[in-house]
Amino acid sequence: MANAKWVLDPTHSEIGFKVKHLMISSVTGTFTEFSGTVETHGDDFTTAKASFSANVHSISTNNGQRDAHLKNADFFDADTYPELTFESTSIVKVDEENYTLHGNLSLHGITKQVLFEADFGGTTVDPWGGTRAGFSLKGKISRSDFGISFGTVSETGGILLGDEVKLSAEVQFVKQAAEVAEPVLS
């Protein structure tokens, strides 16, 4: 069975996060510029090797002032660390629809192991003859593990922002046409 390459379709995918604000409600945000690939043996996603990257400058919380603050050195320091990346180390099939995805997340100059729960939406053939696969992913990280602790305690001693960041993704991948090797002529 040949290896298959799947490329993330950014027009049908979303990458988001959520963090507690004042510990009474959550602020959500997304990254609007990202890319990713998955390589599998055949169509077996338990053999998947996934990679993903997002442009930190593309962060959006629907508030320009907050977005600018998130990009500065208090948080992401986007000029120094313009990209966050994820490289999978393993994927485990729990049942027909659920997987756990293990890998290394690099953010703010620090790499840590993370775990995502992945809900496999299935595969289908689109109207143009392409094969697509869809996943819903969720996980969480501690932002202080990545050296981002601004707002953990306010001047009054309260907590401005939670340390736990919930991550979520709705992703759709398009299977690429198999490359055919040219025959060697002797």
Protein backbone atom coordinates (compact mmCIF):
# COMPACT_ATOMS: atom_id res chain seq x y z
CA MET A 1 0.00 0.00 0.00
CA ALA A 2 1.38 3.43 -0.96
CA ASN A 3 1.83 6.34 1.38
CA ALA A 4 -0.74 9.12 1.11
CA LYS A 5 -0.26 12.83 1.68
CA TRP A 6 -3.16 14.93 2.95
CA VAL A 7 -3.02 18.75 2.90
CA LEU A 8 -5.03 20.98 5.23
CA ASP A 9 -7.77 22.96 3.50
CA PRO A 10 -7.65 26.33 5.31
CA THR A 11 -10.93 27.52 3.78
CA HIS A 12 -12.76 24.67 5.54
CA SER A 13 -10.78 24.63 8.78
CA GLU A 14 -10.60 26.67 11.99
CA ILE A 15 -7.94 26.83 14.70
CA GLY A 16 -9.06 28.31 18.00
CA PHE A 17 -8.33 28.81 21.67
CA LYS A 18 -10.15 29.87 24.81
CA VAL A 19 -8.82 31.30 28.09
CA LYS A 20 -10.58 32.48 31.25
CA HIS A 21 -10.77 36.26 31.76
CA LEU A 22 -11.14 37.42 35.37
CA MET A 23 -12.02 33.76 36.01
CA ILE A 24 -15.71 34.45 35.29
CA SER A 25 -15.93 34.04 31.52
CA SER A 26 -13.77 33.05 28.58
CA VAL A 27 -12.20 35.01 25.75
CA THR A 28 -11.87 33.15 22.48
CA GLY A 29 -9.56 33.64 19.56
CA THR A 30 -8.37 32.10 16.35
CA PHE A 31 -5.37 31.99 14.06
CA THR A 32 -6.38 32.93 10.53
CA GLU A 33 -3.18 31.89 8.71
CA PHE A 34 -2.11 28.27 9.12
CA SER A 35 -1.08 25.18 7.20
CA GLY A 36 -0.68 21.48 7.84
CA THR A 37 -0.08 18.08 6.34
CA VAL A 38 -0.73 14.49 7.32
CA GLU A 39 1.09 11.53 5.84
CA THR A 40 -0.46 8.08 6.19
CA HIS A 41 0.24 4.56 5.03
CA GLY A 42 -2.68 4.10 2.68
CA ASP A 43 -5.72 5.68 4.31
CA ASP A 44 -4.88 4.34 7.79
CA PHE A 45 -4.82 7.34 10.13
CA THR A 46 -3.24 5.27 12.93
CA THR A 47 -0.03 5.54 10.87
CA ALA A 48 -0.38 9.32 10.54
CA LYS A 49 2.48 11.74 10.85
CA ALA A 50 0.97 15.19 11.21
CA SER A 51 2.58 18.61 11.10
CA PHE A 52 0.98 22.00 11.56
CA SER A 53 2.07 25.62 11.75
CA ALA A 54 0.28 28.91 12.42
CA ASN A 55 1.38 32.48 11.85
CA VAL A 56 1.26 34.14 15.28
CA HIS A 57 0.74 37.55 13.64
CA SER A 58 -2.62 36.21 12.35
CA ILE A 59 -4.11 35.93 15.86
CA SER A 60 -7.62 37.35 16.06
CA THR A 61 -9.88 37.83 19.08
CA ASN A 62 -12.18 40.31 17.30
CA ASN A 63 -10.55 43.16 19.23
CA GLY A 64 -7.66 44.99 17.55
CA GLN A 65 -6.23 46.43 20.78
CA ARG A 66 -6.22 43.03 22.49
CA ASP A 67 -4.74 41.36 19.38
CA ALA A 68 -1.89 43.90 19.35
CA HIS A 69 -1.24 43.20 23.05
CA LEU A 70 -1.23 39.43 22.46
CA LYS A 71 1.40 39.88 19.73
CA ASN A 72 3.78 41.88 21.95
CA ALA A 73 6.37 40.60 24.44
CA ASP A 74 3.81 40.27 27.28
CA PHE A 75 2.36 37.26 25.47
CA PHE A 76 3.38 35.65 22.16
CA ASP A 77 6.25 38.05 21.27
CA ALA A 78 5.34 37.49 17.63
CA ASP A 79 8.29 39.46 16.24
CA THR A 80 10.71 37.08 17.98
CA TYR A 81 8.58 33.92 17.69
CA PRO A 82 6.42 34.41 14.57
CA GLU A 83 5.26 30.82 14.25
CA LEU A 84 3.82 28.09 16.42
CA THR A 85 4.27 24.51 15.25
CA PHE A 86 3.03 21.03 16.08
CA GLU A 87 4.67 17.73 15.08
CA SER A 88 2.92 14.48 15.95
CA THR A 89 4.77 11.66 17.67
CA SER A 90 1.93 9.09 17.67
CA ILE A 91 -1.76 8.62 17.10
CA VAL A 92 -3.82 5.97 18.88
CA LYS A 93 -7.20 4.75 17.67
CA VAL A 94 -9.65 4.56 20.59
CA ASP A 95 -12.62 3.42 18.49
CA GLU A 96 -14.02 3.98 14.98
CA GLU A 97 -14.48 7.72 15.54
CA ASN A 98 -11.99 8.66 18.25
CA TYR A 99 -8.22 8.96 18.37
CA THR A 100 -5.67 10.47 20.71
CA LEU A 101 -3.02 12.54 18.98
CA HIS A 102 0.31 12.97 20.78
CA GLY A 103 2.98 15.41 19.70
CA ASN A 104 5.28 18.33 20.35
CA LEU A 105 3.96 21.88 20.38
CA SER A 106 6.53 24.65 19.91
CA LEU A 107 5.37 28.06 21.06
CA HIS A 108 7.20 31.13 22.32
CA GLY A 109 10.57 29.37 21.88
CA ILE A 110 9.59 26.39 24.06
CA THR A 111 8.61 22.87 22.98
CA LYS A 112 6.35 20.69 25.14
CA GLN A 113 4.50 17.43 24.66
CA VAL A 114 0.75 17.84 24.22
CA LEU A 115 -2.22 15.55 23.77
CA PHE A 116 -5.30 16.14 21.62
CA GLU A 117 -8.54 14.19 21.55
CA ALA A 118 -9.43 13.75 17.89
CA ASP A 119 -12.93 12.97 16.67
CA PHE A 120 -12.74 11.51 13.16
CA GLY A 121 -15.61 12.81 11.06
CA GLY A 122 -14.87 10.38 8.24
CA THR A 123 -13.83 10.62 4.63
CA THR A 124 -15.83 11.56 1.57
CA VAL A 125 -15.36 12.34 -2.09
CA ASP A 126 -16.05 15.99 -2.88
CA PRO A 127 -17.90 17.18 -6.03
CA TRP A 128 -14.57 17.58 -7.85
CA GLY A 129 -13.45 13.99 -7.23
CA GLY A 130 -11.06 14.76 -4.36
CA THR A 131 -10.98 12.64 -1.22
CA ARG A 132 -11.36 14.59 2.03
CA ALA A 133 -11.02 13.67 5.70
CA GLY A 134 -12.35 15.69 8.64
CA PHE A 135 -11.37 15.86 12.29
CA SER A 136 -12.44 17.81 15.37
CA LEU A 137 -9.61 18.21 17.87
CA LYS A 138 -9.48 19.49 21.42
CA GLY A 139 -6.73 19.77 23.98
CA LYS A 140 -5.35 22.08 26.61
CA ILE A 141 -2.05 23.58 27.65
CA SER A 142 -0.71 25.61 30.50
CA ARG A 143 0.49 28.92 29.05
CA SER A 144 3.05 29.31 31.85
CA ASP A 145 4.70 26.08 30.58
CA PHE A 146 5.50 28.10 27.45
CA GLY A 147 6.84 31.12 29.35
CA ILE A 148 3.66 33.18 28.99
CA SER A 149 2.49 34.26 32.42
CA PHE A 150 1.36 37.88 31.98
CA GLY A 151 -1.91 38.58 33.80
CA THR A 152 -1.72 35.59 36.10
CA VAL A 153 -2.03 37.96 39.07
CA SER A 154 -3.37 41.53 38.89
CA GLU A 155 -2.23 44.54 40.92
CA THR A 156 -5.12 43.87 43.32
CA GLY A 157 -4.07 40.26 43.78
CA GLY A 158 -6.82 38.76 41.61
CA ILE A 159 -6.30 36.66 38.53
CA LEU A 160 -6.71 38.49 35.23
CA LEU A 161 -6.22 35.50 32.94
CA GLY A 162 -6.34 31.79 33.55
CA ASP A 163 -3.23 29.71 33.03
CA GLU A 164 -5.10 26.93 31.21
CA VAL A 165 -5.70 27.50 27.52
CA LYS A 166 -8.21 25.26 25.77
CA LEU A 167 -7.29 24.50 22.17
CA SER A 168 -9.72 23.44 19.47
CA ALA A 169 -9.59 22.75 15.77
CA GLU A 170 -12.04 21.83 13.07
CA VAL A 171 -9.87 20.60 10.21
CA GLN A 172 -10.44 19.18 6.78
CA PHE A 173 -7.67 17.55 4.74
CA VAL A 174 -7.56 16.89 1.01
CA LYS A 175 -5.77 13.77 -0.20
CA GLN A 176 -3.13 14.57 -2.79
CA ALA A 177 -2.71 12.66 -6.02
CA ALA A 178 -0.08 9.94 -5.72
CA GLU A 179 3.21 10.74 -7.34
CA VAL A 180 4.16 8.24 -9.99
CA ALA A 181 7.87 7.57 -10.37
CA GLU A 182 9.28 7.85 -13.86
CA PRO A 183 10.52 4.49 -15.19
CA VAL A 184 14.26 4.08 -15.35
CA LEU A 185 15.37 3.42 -18.91
CA SER A 186 18.48 1.34 -19.35
